[in-house]
N, C-alpha and C. Protein backbone atom coordinates (compact mmCIF):
# COMPACT_ATOMS: atom_id res chain seq x y z
N MET A 1 111.85 119.97 111.43
CA MET A 1 111.35 121.30 111.70
C MET A 1 110.15 121.18 112.62
N SER A 2 110.14 121.92 113.69
CA SER A 2 109.00 121.87 114.59
C SER A 2 108.27 123.20 114.56
N TYR A 3 106.95 123.13 114.75
CA TYR A 3 106.12 124.32 114.72
C TYR A 3 105.49 124.51 116.09
N ASP A 4 105.44 125.77 116.54
CA ASP A 4 104.85 126.06 117.83
C ASP A 4 103.33 126.03 117.78
N SER A 5 102.78 126.27 116.59
CA SER A 5 101.33 126.30 116.51
C SER A 5 100.89 125.89 115.09
N PHE A 6 99.63 125.59 115.00
CA PHE A 6 99.06 125.26 113.71
C PHE A 6 99.11 126.47 112.78
N THR A 7 99.01 127.67 113.34
CA THR A 7 99.05 128.91 112.53
C THR A 7 100.39 129.02 111.81
N ALA A 8 101.47 128.77 112.52
CA ALA A 8 102.80 128.84 111.89
C ALA A 8 102.93 127.78 110.81
N PHE A 9 102.43 126.58 111.08
CA PHE A 9 102.46 125.50 110.11
C PHE A 9 101.66 125.86 108.87
N SER A 10 100.43 126.33 109.03
CA SER A 10 99.58 126.62 107.89
C SER A 10 100.07 127.84 107.13
N TYR A 11 100.70 128.78 107.80
CA TYR A 11 101.23 129.95 107.11
C TYR A 11 102.36 129.54 106.16
N ASN A 12 103.24 128.71 106.63
CA ASN A 12 104.38 128.28 105.80
C ASN A 12 103.94 127.44 104.62
N TYR A 13 103.08 126.45 104.86
CA TYR A 13 102.66 125.57 103.77
C TYR A 13 101.58 126.22 102.91
N GLY A 14 100.84 127.16 103.46
CA GLY A 14 99.89 127.92 102.64
C GLY A 14 100.61 128.75 101.61
N ALA A 15 101.76 129.30 101.98
CA ALA A 15 102.56 130.07 101.03
C ALA A 15 103.07 129.18 99.91
N LEU A 16 103.43 127.97 100.23
CA LEU A 16 103.87 127.02 99.19
C LEU A 16 102.73 126.63 98.26
N LEU A 17 101.53 126.49 98.81
CA LEU A 17 100.38 126.14 97.97
C LEU A 17 100.03 127.27 97.00
N ALA A 18 100.37 128.48 97.33
CA ALA A 18 100.10 129.60 96.43
C ALA A 18 100.93 129.52 95.16
N LEU A 19 101.99 128.76 95.19
CA LEU A 19 102.83 128.62 94.00
C LEU A 19 102.15 127.84 92.88
N ILE A 20 101.18 127.02 93.23
CA ILE A 20 100.49 126.21 92.20
C ILE A 20 99.76 127.11 91.18
N PRO A 21 98.84 128.00 91.61
CA PRO A 21 98.18 128.83 90.59
C PRO A 21 99.14 129.80 89.91
N ILE A 22 100.18 130.21 90.61
CA ILE A 22 101.17 131.11 89.99
C ILE A 22 101.85 130.39 88.83
N GLN A 23 102.20 129.12 89.02
CA GLN A 23 102.86 128.37 87.97
C GLN A 23 101.90 128.04 86.82
N LEU A 24 100.61 127.90 87.11
CA LEU A 24 99.63 127.58 86.06
C LEU A 24 99.23 128.79 85.24
N TYR A 25 99.52 129.99 85.70
CA TYR A 25 99.12 131.20 84.99
C TYR A 25 99.96 131.35 83.73
N SER A 26 99.30 131.56 82.60
CA SER A 26 100.00 131.63 81.32
C SER A 26 100.44 133.05 80.98
N GLY A 27 100.02 134.04 81.73
CA GLY A 27 100.41 135.42 81.45
C GLY A 27 99.45 136.13 80.52
N GLU A 28 98.39 135.46 80.10
CA GLU A 28 97.42 136.07 79.20
C GLU A 28 96.08 136.23 79.90
N ARG A 29 95.41 137.33 79.53
CA ARG A 29 94.06 137.55 80.06
C ARG A 29 93.06 136.70 79.30
N ASP A 30 91.94 136.44 79.93
CA ASP A 30 90.87 135.68 79.29
C ASP A 30 90.18 136.56 78.25
N ARG A 31 90.32 136.21 77.00
CA ARG A 31 89.74 137.00 75.92
C ARG A 31 88.35 136.51 75.53
N SER A 32 87.90 135.40 76.09
CA SER A 32 86.61 134.84 75.71
C SER A 32 85.45 135.42 76.52
N SER A 33 85.74 136.22 77.54
CA SER A 33 84.70 136.77 78.38
C SER A 33 83.95 137.90 77.67
N THR A 34 82.66 137.94 77.91
CA THR A 34 81.86 139.04 77.40
C THR A 34 81.97 140.22 78.35
N PRO A 35 81.64 141.43 77.91
CA PRO A 35 81.70 142.59 78.82
C PRO A 35 80.82 142.42 80.05
N LEU A 36 79.63 141.81 79.89
CA LEU A 36 78.75 141.59 81.04
C LEU A 36 79.40 140.64 82.03
N LYS A 37 79.98 139.56 81.53
CA LYS A 37 80.63 138.58 82.42
C LYS A 37 81.80 139.22 83.17
N LYS A 38 82.56 140.08 82.48
CA LYS A 38 83.67 140.78 83.13
C LYS A 38 83.16 141.69 84.24
N LYS A 39 82.05 142.38 83.99
CA LYS A 39 81.49 143.28 85.00
C LYS A 39 80.98 142.52 86.19
N ILE A 40 80.30 141.40 85.95
CA ILE A 40 79.79 140.56 87.04
C ILE A 40 80.96 140.02 87.86
N ASN A 41 81.98 139.51 87.19
CA ASN A 41 83.15 138.97 87.90
C ASN A 41 83.82 140.03 88.76
N ARG A 42 83.96 141.24 88.19
CA ARG A 42 84.62 142.31 88.94
C ARG A 42 83.85 142.64 90.22
N TRP A 43 82.52 142.82 90.09
CA TRP A 43 81.74 143.17 91.28
C TRP A 43 81.65 142.03 92.27
N PHE A 44 81.64 140.80 91.78
CA PHE A 44 81.64 139.65 92.68
C PHE A 44 82.87 139.68 93.58
N PHE A 45 84.03 139.92 93.00
CA PHE A 45 85.26 139.91 93.79
C PHE A 45 85.41 141.18 94.64
N TYR A 46 84.82 142.30 94.19
CA TYR A 46 84.83 143.49 95.04
C TYR A 46 84.04 143.24 96.32
N ILE A 47 83.01 142.43 96.25
CA ILE A 47 82.20 142.12 97.42
C ILE A 47 82.77 140.93 98.18
N TYR A 48 83.18 139.89 97.44
CA TYR A 48 83.64 138.65 98.08
C TYR A 48 84.87 138.86 98.95
N TYR A 49 85.87 139.57 98.45
CA TYR A 49 87.12 139.65 99.20
C TYR A 49 86.94 140.31 100.57
N PRO A 50 86.36 141.50 100.66
CA PRO A 50 86.20 142.08 102.01
C PRO A 50 85.25 141.27 102.89
N LEU A 51 84.23 140.68 102.27
CA LEU A 51 83.28 139.88 103.06
C LEU A 51 83.96 138.65 103.66
N HIS A 52 84.73 137.94 102.89
CA HIS A 52 85.36 136.74 103.47
C HIS A 52 86.45 137.11 104.47
N MET A 53 87.09 138.26 104.29
CA MET A 53 88.07 138.70 105.28
C MET A 53 87.38 139.06 106.61
N MET A 54 86.21 139.67 106.55
CA MET A 54 85.45 139.97 107.77
C MET A 54 85.02 138.70 108.47
N ILE A 55 84.58 137.70 107.70
CA ILE A 55 84.15 136.43 108.29
C ILE A 55 85.34 135.73 108.97
N ILE A 56 86.48 135.72 108.32
CA ILE A 56 87.68 135.12 108.93
C ILE A 56 88.07 135.86 110.20
N PHE A 57 88.02 137.18 110.17
CA PHE A 57 88.32 137.99 111.35
C PHE A 57 87.40 137.67 112.49
N MET A 58 86.08 137.56 112.19
CA MET A 58 85.12 137.27 113.25
C MET A 58 85.31 135.87 113.82
N ILE A 59 85.62 134.91 112.97
CA ILE A 59 85.88 133.54 113.47
C ILE A 59 87.11 133.52 114.35
N ALA A 60 88.13 134.25 113.96
CA ALA A 60 89.38 134.27 114.72
C ALA A 60 89.22 134.92 116.09
N HIS A 61 88.23 135.81 116.23
CA HIS A 61 88.06 136.52 117.48
C HIS A 61 86.89 136.03 118.31
N ILE A 62 86.41 134.85 118.03
CA ILE A 62 85.32 134.27 118.83
C ILE A 62 85.89 133.66 120.11
């Protein structure tokens, strides 16, 4: 199999790497978290996800 670019290569194998955490997931939520920890985690990811997407976008368009 030949790839025209590194993007095509990383897209295909990146999708395969996503199977690892999917297979490790037990289907149960974490019951050991405190309400404060859950709130902190939620807001962290609300900020982290759009922020890292903006950084990736800016790097890609330099």
